[in-house]
Amino acid sequence: MSENVQTAVPVAGRSDEEGIGRRREREVQKGGNGRAGQALSPSRLAIRRFRHHRLAMASVLLLSLLLLLAVLAPLISPYDPNAVNTAAYREPPSGAHWLGTDSAGRDVLSRLLHGARVSLTVGIAAAVSATGLGTLLGLIAGIFRGWVDAIIMRVVDVFLSFPPLVVILLLVAILGPSVTTIIVVIAAFEWPTACRIVRQVSLSVREMDYVLSARAMGSGSLAIVRRHMIGPVLPPLTVVATLLSANAILLEAALSFLGLGVERPNATWGGMLQAAQSMTILQEMPWLWLPPGVAIAATVLSINFMGDGLRDAFDPRQRL
């Protein structure tokens, strides 16, 4: 009986190894580089997985188009987005105004293009700021642990205990609405998410044998972070950054809708949605609220789909 058990274990191990080997062979054969037996690097496998995610690729194309339109908005806008024309009061879409005009006679298409500049700027800048701050504090907490980790995590708990929208509304009302204020305030309440994820990854990596060996050979904390922790932290951090960007765009739209966003008459998607505050406009004048609403929904969904694609791309368990 004992002999049968002893012989069964290696057989199971061989079958698992054979299965892994067959999967690797299939991935190599799908490499398409014309060199037999050459395995793809992890980065190339990640790129290939991302390219096979159709929603993610479509989202990248849409976001690239939105960025291009936002950058070229001053050149391609048919009208001045802030020019008031009382003679064109709430005109429906026509050849002169493709998306109609608003309550001040301003061209909706021009304001939509310029509003993309504000929304995308806030989303990208707030996500980058929050990710950078969260990464720094998460690495410090994971490397030094002890009282440093305890203090940082208590600060994270304090920030997470408050409802973000309510506090952001209060701070923007006190500091005054502006693009810079909105970016700083949103980033100040989004960094705890990135911090907790980076801390968790760094705590697991610091116990790996190669990190312990590097520390035993005299490597300092900065060298260990630079050589051994940045790589494992980047994949989950990239996914988190996309989610934070989408959340920042929604928060900016909410602030502008409530009148605490960018100062008027500057165009923002949330500010354009302010027109949709009566049943008459909702039912009879959809050109006033439908374009910015579709723009916000499409942008946020595209960012979320791109985050899903990045998550699958960095997951080694995903098949091509």
Protein backbone atom coordinates (compact mmCIF):
# COMPACT_ATOMS: atom_id res chain seq x y z
CA MET A 1 0.00 0.00 0.00
CA SER A 2 2.77 2.44 0.91
CA GLU A 3 4.62 1.60 -2.34
CA ASN A 4 1.52 2.48 -4.39
CA VAL A 5 1.19 5.86 -2.64
CA GLN A 6 4.87 6.62 -3.18
CA THR A 7 4.64 5.90 -6.91
CA ALA A 8 1.37 7.84 -7.37
CA VAL A 9 2.79 11.19 -6.30
CA PRO A 10 5.48 11.51 -9.00
CA VAL A 11 3.00 10.39 -11.64
CA ALA A 12 0.62 13.20 -10.69
CA GLY A 13 3.53 15.64 -10.68
CA ARG A 14 4.59 14.50 -14.15
CA SER A 15 1.05 14.94 -15.49
CA ASP A 16 0.90 18.50 -14.14
CA GLU A 17 4.28 19.30 -15.65
CA GLU A 18 3.22 17.83 -18.98
CA GLY A 19 0.07 19.97 -18.95
CA ILE A 20 2.08 23.12 -18.24
CA GLY A 21 4.55 22.15 -20.96
CA ARG A 22 1.79 21.70 -23.52
CA ARG A 23 0.31 25.09 -22.67
CA ARG A 24 3.71 26.72 -23.09
CA GLU A 25 4.18 25.00 -26.43
CA ARG A 26 0.85 26.37 -27.63
CA GLU A 27 1.80 29.89 -26.51
CA VAL A 28 5.13 29.58 -28.33
CA GLN A 29 3.41 28.37 -31.49
CA LYS A 30 1.08 31.38 -31.34
CA GLY A 31 4.01 33.75 -31.07
CA GLY A 32 4.01 34.30 -34.82
CA ASN A 33 7.68 35.34 -34.91
CA GLY A 34 8.75 32.51 -37.16
CA ARG A 35 11.31 31.10 -34.75
CA ALA A 36 10.48 27.64 -33.53
CA GLY A 37 11.06 26.91 -29.88
CA GLN A 38 11.50 30.56 -28.85
CA ALA A 39 9.32 31.37 -25.85
CA LEU A 40 7.65 34.75 -25.59
CA SER A 41 8.72 37.07 -22.78
CA PRO A 42 6.19 37.93 -20.06
CA SER A 43 5.80 41.44 -21.43
CA ARG A 44 5.04 40.14 -24.94
CA LEU A 45 2.58 37.63 -23.55
CA ALA A 46 0.86 40.44 -21.64
CA ILE A 47 0.64 42.56 -24.80
CA ARG A 48 -0.72 39.60 -26.74
CA ARG A 49 -3.38 38.90 -24.09
CA PHE A 50 -4.40 42.56 -24.10
CA ARG A 51 -4.69 42.59 -27.88
CA HIS A 52 -6.99 39.57 -27.72
CA HIS A 53 -9.35 41.50 -25.40
CA ARG A 54 -11.70 43.04 -27.95
CA LEU A 55 -13.50 45.43 -25.59
CA ALA A 56 -10.17 46.70 -24.27
CA MET A 57 -8.82 47.33 -27.77
CA ALA A 58 -12.04 49.10 -28.80
CA SER A 59 -11.80 51.19 -25.63
CA VAL A 60 -8.21 52.16 -26.43
CA LEU A 61 -9.29 53.35 -29.88
CA LEU A 62 -12.18 55.36 -28.45
CA LEU A 63 -10.06 56.95 -25.72
CA SER A 64 -7.37 57.79 -28.26
CA LEU A 65 -9.99 59.49 -30.41
CA LEU A 66 -11.32 61.45 -27.42
CA LEU A 67 -7.81 62.56 -26.48
CA LEU A 68 -7.13 63.67 -30.04
CA LEU A 69 -10.40 65.63 -30.19
CA ALA A 70 -9.66 67.24 -26.82
CA VAL A 71 -6.19 68.32 -27.91
CA LEU A 72 -7.44 69.69 -31.23
CA ALA A 73 -10.61 71.26 -29.76
CA PRO A 74 -9.46 74.90 -30.24
CA LEU A 75 -8.73 74.15 -33.91
CA ILE A 76 -11.73 72.03 -34.89
CA SER A 77 -14.51 73.64 -32.84
CA PRO A 78 -16.93 75.39 -35.22
CA TYR A 79 -17.71 78.18 -32.71
CA ASP A 80 -16.37 79.81 -29.60
CA PRO A 81 -17.70 77.57 -26.79
CA ASN A 82 -18.42 80.58 -24.57
CA ALA A 83 -19.90 82.90 -27.21
CA VAL A 84 -23.49 83.84 -26.30
CA ASN A 85 -26.02 84.18 -29.11
CA THR A 86 -29.51 85.02 -27.91
CA ALA A 87 -30.86 84.69 -31.45
CA ALA A 88 -29.99 80.96 -31.40
CA TYR A 89 -31.83 80.11 -28.18
CA ARG A 90 -32.14 76.33 -27.70
CA GLU A 91 -32.10 75.57 -31.40
CA PRO A 92 -32.33 71.87 -32.31
CA PRO A 93 -29.55 70.19 -34.32
CA SER A 94 -29.18 71.66 -37.79
CA GLY A 95 -26.62 72.25 -40.50
CA ALA A 96 -25.34 75.37 -38.72
CA HIS A 97 -25.22 73.71 -35.29
CA TRP A 98 -24.76 69.95 -35.59
CA LEU A 99 -25.73 69.28 -31.95
CA GLY A 100 -27.94 72.31 -31.45
CA THR A 101 -27.50 75.20 -29.03
CA ASP A 102 -28.05 75.60 -25.30
CA SER A 103 -30.07 78.08 -23.24
CA ALA A 104 -27.54 80.85 -23.96
CA GLY A 105 -27.33 80.16 -27.69
CA ARG A 106 -23.88 78.54 -27.37
CA ASP A 107 -22.94 75.74 -29.74
CA VAL A 108 -23.29 72.36 -27.99
CA LEU A 109 -20.68 70.62 -30.16
CA SER A 110 -18.05 73.25 -29.42
CA ARG A 111 -18.75 73.06 -25.70
CA LEU A 112 -18.66 69.26 -25.84
CA LEU A 113 -15.19 69.28 -27.41
CA HIS A 114 -13.82 71.82 -24.93
CA GLY A 115 -15.51 69.99 -22.06
CA ALA A 116 -13.51 66.89 -22.97
CA ARG A 117 -10.32 68.84 -22.24
CA VAL A 118 -11.42 69.53 -18.66
CA SER A 119 -12.82 66.07 -17.91
CA LEU A 120 -9.86 64.16 -19.33
CA THR A 121 -7.36 66.52 -17.70
CA VAL A 122 -8.96 66.07 -14.30
CA GLY A 123 -9.27 62.30 -14.73
CA ILE A 124 -5.67 61.74 -15.84
CA ALA A 125 -4.04 64.25 -13.49
CA ALA A 126 -6.01 63.12 -10.42
CA ALA A 127 -5.33 59.44 -11.15
CA VAL A 128 -1.61 60.00 -11.69
CA SER A 129 -1.32 62.11 -8.53
CA ALA A 130 -3.28 59.65 -6.40
CA THR A 131 -1.39 56.66 -7.80
CA GLY A 132 1.99 58.30 -7.24
CA LEU A 133 1.22 59.30 -3.64
CA GLY A 134 -0.36 55.93 -2.86
CA THR A 135 2.59 54.05 -4.36
CA LEU A 136 5.12 56.03 -2.34
CA LEU A 137 3.32 55.61 0.97
CA GLY A 138 2.46 51.96 0.24
CA LEU A 139 6.10 51.10 -0.45
CA ILE A 140 7.23 52.90 2.70
CA ALA A 141 4.65 51.03 4.76
CA GLY A 142 5.53 47.67 3.22
CA ILE A 143 9.30 48.09 3.50
CA PHE A 144 9.70 49.55 6.97
CA ARG A 145 6.61 48.03 8.66
CA GLY A 146 6.44 48.57 12.43
CA TRP A 147 5.26 51.96 13.66
CA VAL A 148 5.69 53.52 10.21
CA ASP A 149 3.27 51.01 8.71
CA ALA A 150 0.85 51.50 11.60
CA ILE A 151 0.76 55.29 11.21
CA ILE A 152 0.26 55.18 7.44
CA MET A 153 -2.50 52.58 7.69
CA ARG A 154 -4.33 54.57 10.37
CA VAL A 155 -4.22 57.62 8.12
CA VAL A 156 -5.62 55.47 5.31
CA ASP A 157 -8.43 54.29 7.59
CA VAL A 158 -9.26 57.89 8.49
CA PHE A 159 -9.53 58.92 4.83
CA LEU A 160 -11.62 55.86 3.96
CA SER A 161 -14.01 56.51 6.84
CA PHE A 162 -15.35 59.73 5.29
CA PRO A 163 -17.76 59.84 2.34
CA PRO A 164 -15.54 61.22 -0.43
CA LEU A 165 -18.16 63.21 -2.35
CA VAL A 166 -19.42 65.06 0.72
CA VAL A 167 -15.91 66.02 1.88
CA ILE A 168 -14.85 66.99 -1.65
CA LEU A 169 -17.91 69.21 -1.98
CA LEU A 170 -17.05 70.90 1.31
CA LEU A 171 -13.40 71.46 0.42
CA VAL A 172 -14.17 72.78 -3.06
CA ALA A 173 -16.75 75.17 -1.59
CA ILE A 174 -14.15 76.47 0.88
CA LEU A 175 -11.14 76.64 -1.47
CA GLY A 176 -13.06 77.81 -4.52
CA PRO A 177 -13.80 75.95 -7.74
CA SER A 178 -10.94 75.53 -10.21
CA VAL A 179 -9.31 72.74 -12.18
CA THR A 180 -6.29 72.66 -9.85
CA THR A 181 -8.44 72.54 -6.72
CA ILE A 182 -10.58 69.73 -8.10
CA ILE A 183 -7.52 67.67 -9.08
CA VAL A 184 -5.84 68.11 -5.69
CA VAL A 185 -8.98 67.39 -3.68
CA ILE A 186 -9.93 64.29 -5.70
CA ALA A 187 -6.37 62.93 -5.56
CA ALA A 188 -6.30 63.52 -1.80
CA PHE A 189 -9.20 61.10 -1.35
CA GLU A 190 -8.23 58.51 -3.97
CA TRP A 191 -4.65 57.69 -2.92
CA PRO A 192 -5.64 55.27 -0.07
CA THR A 193 -6.83 52.70 -2.62
CA ALA A 194 -3.47 52.58 -4.38
CA CYS A 195 -1.63 52.68 -1.05
CA ARG A 196 -3.35 49.58 0.34
CA ILE A 197 -2.73 47.56 -2.83
CA VAL A 198 0.94 48.55 -3.07
CA ARG A 199 1.46 47.82 0.62
CA GLN A 200 -0.07 44.36 0.28
CA VAL A 201 2.12 43.50 -2.72
CA SER A 202 5.28 44.85 -1.08
CA LEU A 203 4.60 42.89 2.11
CA SER A 204 4.42 39.65 0.15
CA VAL A 205 7.43 40.44 -2.05
CA ARG A 206 9.69 41.41 0.85
CA GLU A 207 9.44 37.84 2.19
CA MET A 208 10.56 36.24 -1.07
CA ASP A 209 13.86 34.38 -1.05
CA TYR A 210 15.54 36.63 -3.60
CA VAL A 211 14.66 39.74 -1.57
CA LEU A 212 15.93 38.14 1.64
CA SER A 213 19.13 37.16 -0.18
CA ALA A 214 19.60 40.70 -1.47
CA ARG A 215 19.10 42.10 2.01
CA ALA A 216 21.57 39.57 3.47
CA MET A 217 24.16 40.67 0.89
CA GLY A 218 23.89 44.25 2.10
CA SER A 219 21.39 45.81 -0.32
CA GLY A 220 19.61 48.83 1.12
CA SER A 221 15.89 49.51 1.12
CA LEU A 222 16.04 51.83 -1.89
CA ALA A 223 17.99 49.29 -3.93
CA ILE A 224 15.52 46.54 -3.04
CA VAL A 225 12.57 48.72 -4.01
CA ARG A 226 14.16 49.73 -7.30
CA ARG A 227 15.32 46.24 -8.32
CA HIS A 228 12.77 43.86 -6.83
CA MET A 229 9.51 45.64 -5.92
CA ILE A 230 8.70 48.02 -8.75
CA GLY A 231 8.11 45.15 -11.18
CA PRO A 232 5.56 43.19 -9.09
CA VAL A 233 3.79 46.42 -8.07
CA LEU A 234 3.26 47.82 -11.58
CA PRO A 235 0.64 45.33 -12.93
CA PRO A 236 -1.99 45.80 -10.19
CA LEU A 237 -1.12 49.48 -9.92
CA THR A 238 -1.84 50.03 -13.61
CA VAL A 239 -5.30 48.53 -13.23
CA VAL A 240 -5.98 50.65 -10.15
CA ALA A 241 -4.89 53.80 -11.99
CA THR A 242 -7.49 53.22 -14.71
CA LEU A 243 -10.25 52.77 -12.12
CA LEU A 244 -9.16 55.91 -10.26
CA SER A 245 -9.21 57.86 -13.51
CA ALA A 246 -12.78 56.81 -14.25
CA ASN A 247 -13.82 57.68 -10.70
CA ALA A 248 -12.17 61.11 -10.96
CA ILE A 249 -14.10 61.88 -14.16
CA LEU A 250 -17.37 60.97 -12.45
CA LEU A 251 -16.52 63.09 -9.41
CA GLU A 252 -15.65 66.09 -11.59
CA ALA A 253 -18.92 65.70 -13.48
CA ALA A 254 -20.84 65.53 -10.20
CA LEU A 255 -19.12 68.67 -8.89
CA SER A 256 -19.82 70.58 -12.10
CA PHE A 257 -23.43 69.41 -12.12
CA LEU A 258 -23.85 70.76 -8.58
CA GLY A 259 -22.26 74.07 -9.53
CA LEU A 260 -18.95 73.51 -7.72
CA GLY A 261 -16.83 72.50 -10.69
CA VAL A 262 -14.84 74.65 -13.07
CA GLU A 263 -15.84 78.29 -13.01
CA ARG A 264 -18.45 79.38 -15.51
CA PRO A 265 -18.74 79.92 -18.41
CA ASN A 266 -15.99 77.36 -19.09
CA ALA A 267 -17.43 74.21 -20.65
CA THR A 268 -17.47 70.91 -18.76
CA TRP A 269 -19.50 67.78 -19.36
CA GLY A 270 -21.01 67.92 -15.89
CA GLY A 271 -21.82 71.60 -16.28
CA MET A 272 -23.61 70.89 -19.54
CA LEU A 273 -25.78 68.35 -17.72
CA GLN A 274 -27.10 71.13 -15.49
CA ALA A 275 -29.57 71.92 -18.24
CA ALA A 276 -31.32 68.59 -17.59
CA GLN A 277 -33.13 69.78 -14.46
CA SER A 278 -36.66 69.97 -15.78
CA MET A 279 -39.01 67.47 -17.36
CA THR A 280 -39.55 69.80 -20.31
CA ILE A 281 -35.89 69.72 -21.29
CA LEU A 282 -35.58 65.99 -20.61
CA GLN A 283 -38.54 65.18 -22.84
CA GLU A 284 -38.43 67.84 -25.55
CA MET A 285 -34.79 68.98 -25.78
CA PRO A 286 -32.54 65.90 -25.57
CA TRP A 287 -29.71 67.66 -27.45
CA LEU A 288 -29.01 69.69 -24.30
CA TRP A 289 -28.18 66.72 -22.06
CA LEU A 290 -27.76 63.62 -24.22
CA PRO A 291 -24.34 64.48 -25.82
CA PRO A 292 -22.52 65.15 -22.50
CA GLY A 293 -24.25 62.19 -20.85
CA VAL A 294 -23.18 59.84 -23.64
CA ALA A 295 -19.65 61.29 -23.55
CA ILE A 296 -19.31 60.68 -19.79
CA ALA A 297 -20.75 57.17 -19.99
CA ALA A 298 -18.63 56.19 -23.01
CA THR A 299 -15.43 57.54 -21.44
CA VAL A 300 -15.96 55.85 -18.07
CA LEU A 301 -16.97 52.54 -19.66
CA SER A 302 -13.97 52.64 -21.98
CA ILE A 303 -11.60 53.23 -19.07
CA ASN A 304 -13.18 50.38 -17.11
CA PHE A 305 -12.96 48.01 -20.09
CA MET A 306 -9.33 48.97 -20.58
CA GLY A 307 -8.72 48.19 -16.90
CA ASP A 308 -10.32 44.77 -17.38
CA GLY A 309 -8.05 44.16 -20.35
CA LEU A 310 -4.96 45.14 -18.35
CA ARG A 311 -6.01 42.87 -15.49
CA ASP A 312 -6.37 39.90 -17.86
CA ALA A 313 -3.13 40.78 -19.64
CA PHE A 314 -1.10 40.74 -16.43
CA ASP A 315 -2.71 37.50 -15.20
CA PRO A 316 -0.44 34.57 -16.18
CA ARG A 317 -3.32 32.13 -15.72
CA GLN A 318 -5.16 33.64 -18.70
CA ARG A 319 -4.84 31.67 -21.92
CA LEU A 320 -4.21 33.27 -25.28
